[in-house]
């Protein structure tokens, strides 16, 4: 598989790890993105897979889930 085809696959795997974590725990601190199992896919964490704007959007989404869970 070429590098250009591997990149979207790894992004999807990364997002699936987030979904798995949220399913199991309900919330997730954005700092968790820089620990295993996320860094098992890319040692640089999400910066190794996503553009800055995409990462900002991902972190905003995690913060929104956390805020909603905290308010409940």
N, C-alpha and C. Protein backbone atom coordinates (compact mmCIF):
# COMPACT_ATOMS: atom_id res chain seq x y z
N UNK A 1 0.85 -1.18 0.00
CA UNK A 1 0.00 0.00 0.00
C UNK A 1 0.89 1.23 0.00
N UNK A 2 0.65 2.15 -0.93
CA UNK A 2 1.45 3.37 -1.02
C UNK A 2 1.21 4.29 0.16
N UNK A 3 2.17 5.19 0.39
CA UNK A 3 2.07 6.10 1.53
C UNK A 3 0.80 6.94 1.47
N UNK A 4 0.41 7.41 0.29
CA UNK A 4 -0.78 8.26 0.18
C UNK A 4 -2.05 7.48 0.52
N UNK A 5 -2.06 6.17 0.28
CA UNK A 5 -3.22 5.36 0.61
C UNK A 5 -3.20 4.94 2.08
N UNK A 6 -2.02 4.84 2.68
CA UNK A 6 -1.90 4.42 4.07
C UNK A 6 -2.36 5.53 5.01
N UNK A 7 -2.12 6.79 4.63
CA UNK A 7 -2.45 7.92 5.50
C UNK A 7 -3.92 7.96 5.88
N UNK A 8 -4.87 7.90 4.93
CA UNK A 8 -6.29 7.90 5.33
C UNK A 8 -6.66 6.67 6.16
N UNK A 9 -6.06 5.53 5.88
CA UNK A 9 -6.32 4.33 6.66
C UNK A 9 -5.92 4.56 8.12
N UNK A 10 -4.74 5.14 8.34
CA UNK A 10 -4.29 5.39 9.71
C UNK A 10 -5.15 6.44 10.40
N UNK A 11 -5.62 7.43 9.66
CA UNK A 11 -6.54 8.41 10.23
C UNK A 11 -7.81 7.72 10.71
N UNK A 12 -8.34 6.83 9.90
CA UNK A 12 -9.55 6.10 10.27
C UNK A 12 -9.30 5.22 11.49
N UNK A 13 -8.17 4.56 11.54
CA UNK A 13 -7.83 3.74 12.70
C UNK A 13 -7.73 4.60 13.96
N UNK A 14 -7.13 5.78 13.82
CA UNK A 14 -6.99 6.71 14.95
C UNK A 14 -8.36 7.13 15.46
N UNK A 15 -9.25 7.50 14.55
CA UNK A 15 -10.61 7.91 14.94
C UNK A 15 -11.35 6.73 15.56
N UNK A 16 -11.17 5.53 15.03
CA UNK A 16 -11.81 4.36 15.62
C UNK A 16 -11.34 4.12 17.04
N UNK A 17 -10.07 4.39 17.32
CA UNK A 17 -9.57 4.28 18.70
C UNK A 17 -10.27 5.29 19.61
N UNK A 18 -10.51 6.49 19.10
CA UNK A 18 -11.23 7.50 19.88
C UNK A 18 -12.66 7.02 20.17
N UNK A 19 -13.32 6.51 19.15
CA UNK A 19 -14.69 6.01 19.31
C UNK A 19 -14.71 4.87 20.34
N UNK A 20 -13.76 3.96 20.23
CA UNK A 20 -13.68 2.86 21.20
C UNK A 20 -13.52 3.38 22.62
N UNK A 21 -12.64 4.37 22.79
CA UNK A 21 -12.41 4.94 24.12
C UNK A 21 -13.67 5.62 24.65
N UNK A 22 -14.33 6.40 23.79
CA UNK A 22 -15.55 7.08 24.20
C UNK A 22 -16.66 6.08 24.53
N UNK A 23 -16.74 5.01 23.78
CA UNK A 23 -17.74 3.98 24.04
C UNK A 23 -17.52 3.34 25.40
N UNK A 24 -16.27 3.09 25.72
CA UNK A 24 -15.94 2.43 26.98
C UNK A 24 -15.99 3.36 28.18
N UNK A 25 -15.54 4.62 27.99
CA UNK A 25 -15.39 5.53 29.14
C UNK A 25 -16.36 6.71 29.14
N UNK A 26 -16.99 7.00 28.01
CA UNK A 26 -17.95 8.09 27.95
C UNK A 26 -17.35 9.45 27.64
N UNK A 27 -16.15 9.69 28.08
CA UNK A 27 -15.46 10.96 27.83
C UNK A 27 -13.98 10.67 27.57
N UNK A 28 -13.31 11.72 27.09
CA UNK A 28 -11.87 11.57 26.83
C UNK A 28 -11.22 12.94 26.86
N UNK A 29 -10.21 13.07 27.68
CA UNK A 29 -9.40 14.29 27.70
C UNK A 29 -8.55 14.32 26.42
N UNK A 30 -8.44 15.46 25.76
CA UNK A 30 -7.61 15.53 24.55
C UNK A 30 -6.16 15.09 24.78
N UNK A 31 -5.63 15.26 25.97
CA UNK A 31 -4.26 14.84 26.26
C UNK A 31 -4.07 13.34 26.06
N UNK A 32 -5.16 12.59 26.14
CA UNK A 32 -5.10 11.14 25.96
C UNK A 32 -4.65 10.77 24.55
N UNK A 33 -4.82 11.68 23.59
CA UNK A 33 -4.41 11.44 22.21
C UNK A 33 -2.90 11.26 22.07
N UNK A 34 -2.15 11.64 23.11
CA UNK A 34 -0.69 11.58 23.07
C UNK A 34 -0.14 10.41 23.89
N UNK A 35 -1.02 9.44 24.16
CA UNK A 35 -0.63 8.25 24.91
C UNK A 35 -1.04 7.01 24.12
N UNK A 36 -0.52 5.87 24.54
CA UNK A 36 -0.90 4.61 23.92
C UNK A 36 -2.39 4.37 24.18
N UNK A 37 -3.13 3.86 23.27
CA UNK A 37 -2.76 3.21 22.01
C UNK A 37 -2.64 4.16 20.82
N UNK A 38 -2.93 5.44 21.04
CA UNK A 38 -2.88 6.40 19.93
C UNK A 38 -1.47 6.57 19.39
N UNK A 39 -0.50 6.65 20.28
CA UNK A 39 0.88 6.81 19.84
C UNK A 39 1.45 5.51 19.28
N UNK A 40 0.73 4.41 19.43
CA UNK A 40 1.16 3.17 18.79
C UNK A 40 1.00 3.27 17.27
N UNK A 41 0.01 4.07 16.84
CA UNK A 41 -0.19 4.29 15.40
C UNK A 41 0.79 5.30 14.83
N UNK A 42 1.07 6.33 15.61
CA UNK A 42 1.98 7.38 15.17
C UNK A 42 2.64 7.99 16.41
N UNK A 43 3.95 7.86 16.54
CA UNK A 43 4.64 8.36 17.74
C UNK A 43 4.43 9.85 18.00
N UNK A 44 4.10 10.62 16.96
CA UNK A 44 3.88 12.06 17.12
C UNK A 44 2.47 12.39 17.59
N UNK A 45 1.67 11.37 17.83
CA UNK A 45 0.30 11.63 18.21
C UNK A 45 -0.50 12.10 17.01
N UNK A 46 -1.58 12.81 17.24
CA UNK A 46 -2.44 13.21 16.13
C UNK A 46 -1.76 14.13 15.11
N UNK A 47 -0.74 14.87 15.54
CA UNK A 47 -0.03 15.73 14.58
C UNK A 47 0.62 14.93 13.46
N UNK A 48 0.87 13.65 13.71
CA UNK A 48 1.46 12.80 12.69
C UNK A 48 0.47 12.37 11.62
N UNK A 49 -0.82 12.62 11.84
CA UNK A 49 -1.84 12.16 10.91
C UNK A 49 -2.77 13.24 10.40
N UNK A 50 -2.95 14.30 11.17
CA UNK A 50 -3.97 15.30 10.83
C UNK A 50 -3.35 16.68 10.63
N UNK A 51 -3.96 17.45 9.76
CA UNK A 51 -3.57 18.85 9.59
C UNK A 51 -3.99 19.61 10.84
N UNK A 52 -3.40 20.75 11.05
CA UNK A 52 -3.67 21.56 12.24
C UNK A 52 -5.15 21.86 12.41
N UNK A 53 -5.81 22.28 11.34
CA UNK A 53 -7.24 22.61 11.42
C UNK A 53 -8.08 21.38 11.76
N UNK A 54 -7.70 20.22 11.22
CA UNK A 54 -8.43 18.99 11.52
C UNK A 54 -8.25 18.60 12.98
N UNK A 55 -7.03 18.77 13.47
CA UNK A 55 -6.76 18.46 14.87
C UNK A 55 -7.52 19.40 15.79
N UNK A 56 -7.56 20.67 15.45
CA UNK A 56 -8.33 21.64 16.24
C UNK A 56 -9.80 21.22 16.32
N UNK A 57 -10.35 20.79 15.20
CA UNK A 57 -11.75 20.36 15.16
C UNK A 57 -11.96 19.10 16.01
N UNK A 58 -11.03 18.19 15.95
CA UNK A 58 -11.11 16.97 16.74
C UNK A 58 -11.08 17.28 18.23
N UNK A 59 -10.19 18.16 18.63
CA UNK A 59 -10.08 18.54 20.04
C UNK A 59 -11.33 19.29 20.49
N UNK A 60 -11.88 20.15 19.65
CA UNK A 60 -13.13 20.84 19.99
C UNK A 60 -14.25 19.83 20.22
N UNK A 61 -14.31 18.80 19.39
CA UNK A 61 -15.34 17.77 19.54
C UNK A 61 -15.16 17.02 20.86
N UNK A 62 -13.94 16.66 21.21
CA UNK A 62 -13.69 15.97 22.48
C UNK A 62 -14.04 16.88 23.66
N UNK A 63 -13.68 18.16 23.57
CA UNK A 63 -14.03 19.11 24.63
C UNK A 63 -15.54 19.26 24.78
N UNK A 64 -16.27 19.25 23.66
CA UNK A 64 -17.72 19.36 23.71
C UNK A 64 -18.34 18.14 24.38
N UNK A 65 -17.83 16.97 24.08
CA UNK A 65 -18.32 15.74 24.74
C UNK A 65 -18.04 15.82 26.24
N UNK A 66 -16.86 16.24 26.58
CA UNK A 66 -16.48 16.36 28.00
C UNK A 66 -17.36 17.38 28.72
N UNK A 67 -17.63 18.52 28.09
CA UNK A 67 -18.48 19.55 28.69
C UNK A 67 -19.91 19.07 28.87
N UNK A 68 -20.41 18.35 27.88
CA UNK A 68 -21.78 17.83 27.94
C UNK A 68 -21.89 16.79 29.06
N UNK A 69 -20.90 15.92 29.16
CA UNK A 69 -20.91 14.89 30.21
C UNK A 69 -20.79 15.51 31.58
N UNK A 70 -20.00 16.56 31.71
CA UNK A 70 -19.82 17.24 33.00
C UNK A 70 -21.09 17.94 33.46
N UNK A 71 -21.86 18.45 32.48
CA UNK A 71 -23.09 19.17 32.80
C UNK A 71 -24.22 18.23 33.19
N UNK A 72 -24.11 16.98 32.82
CA UNK A 72 -25.18 16.03 33.08
C UNK A 72 -25.21 15.55 34.51
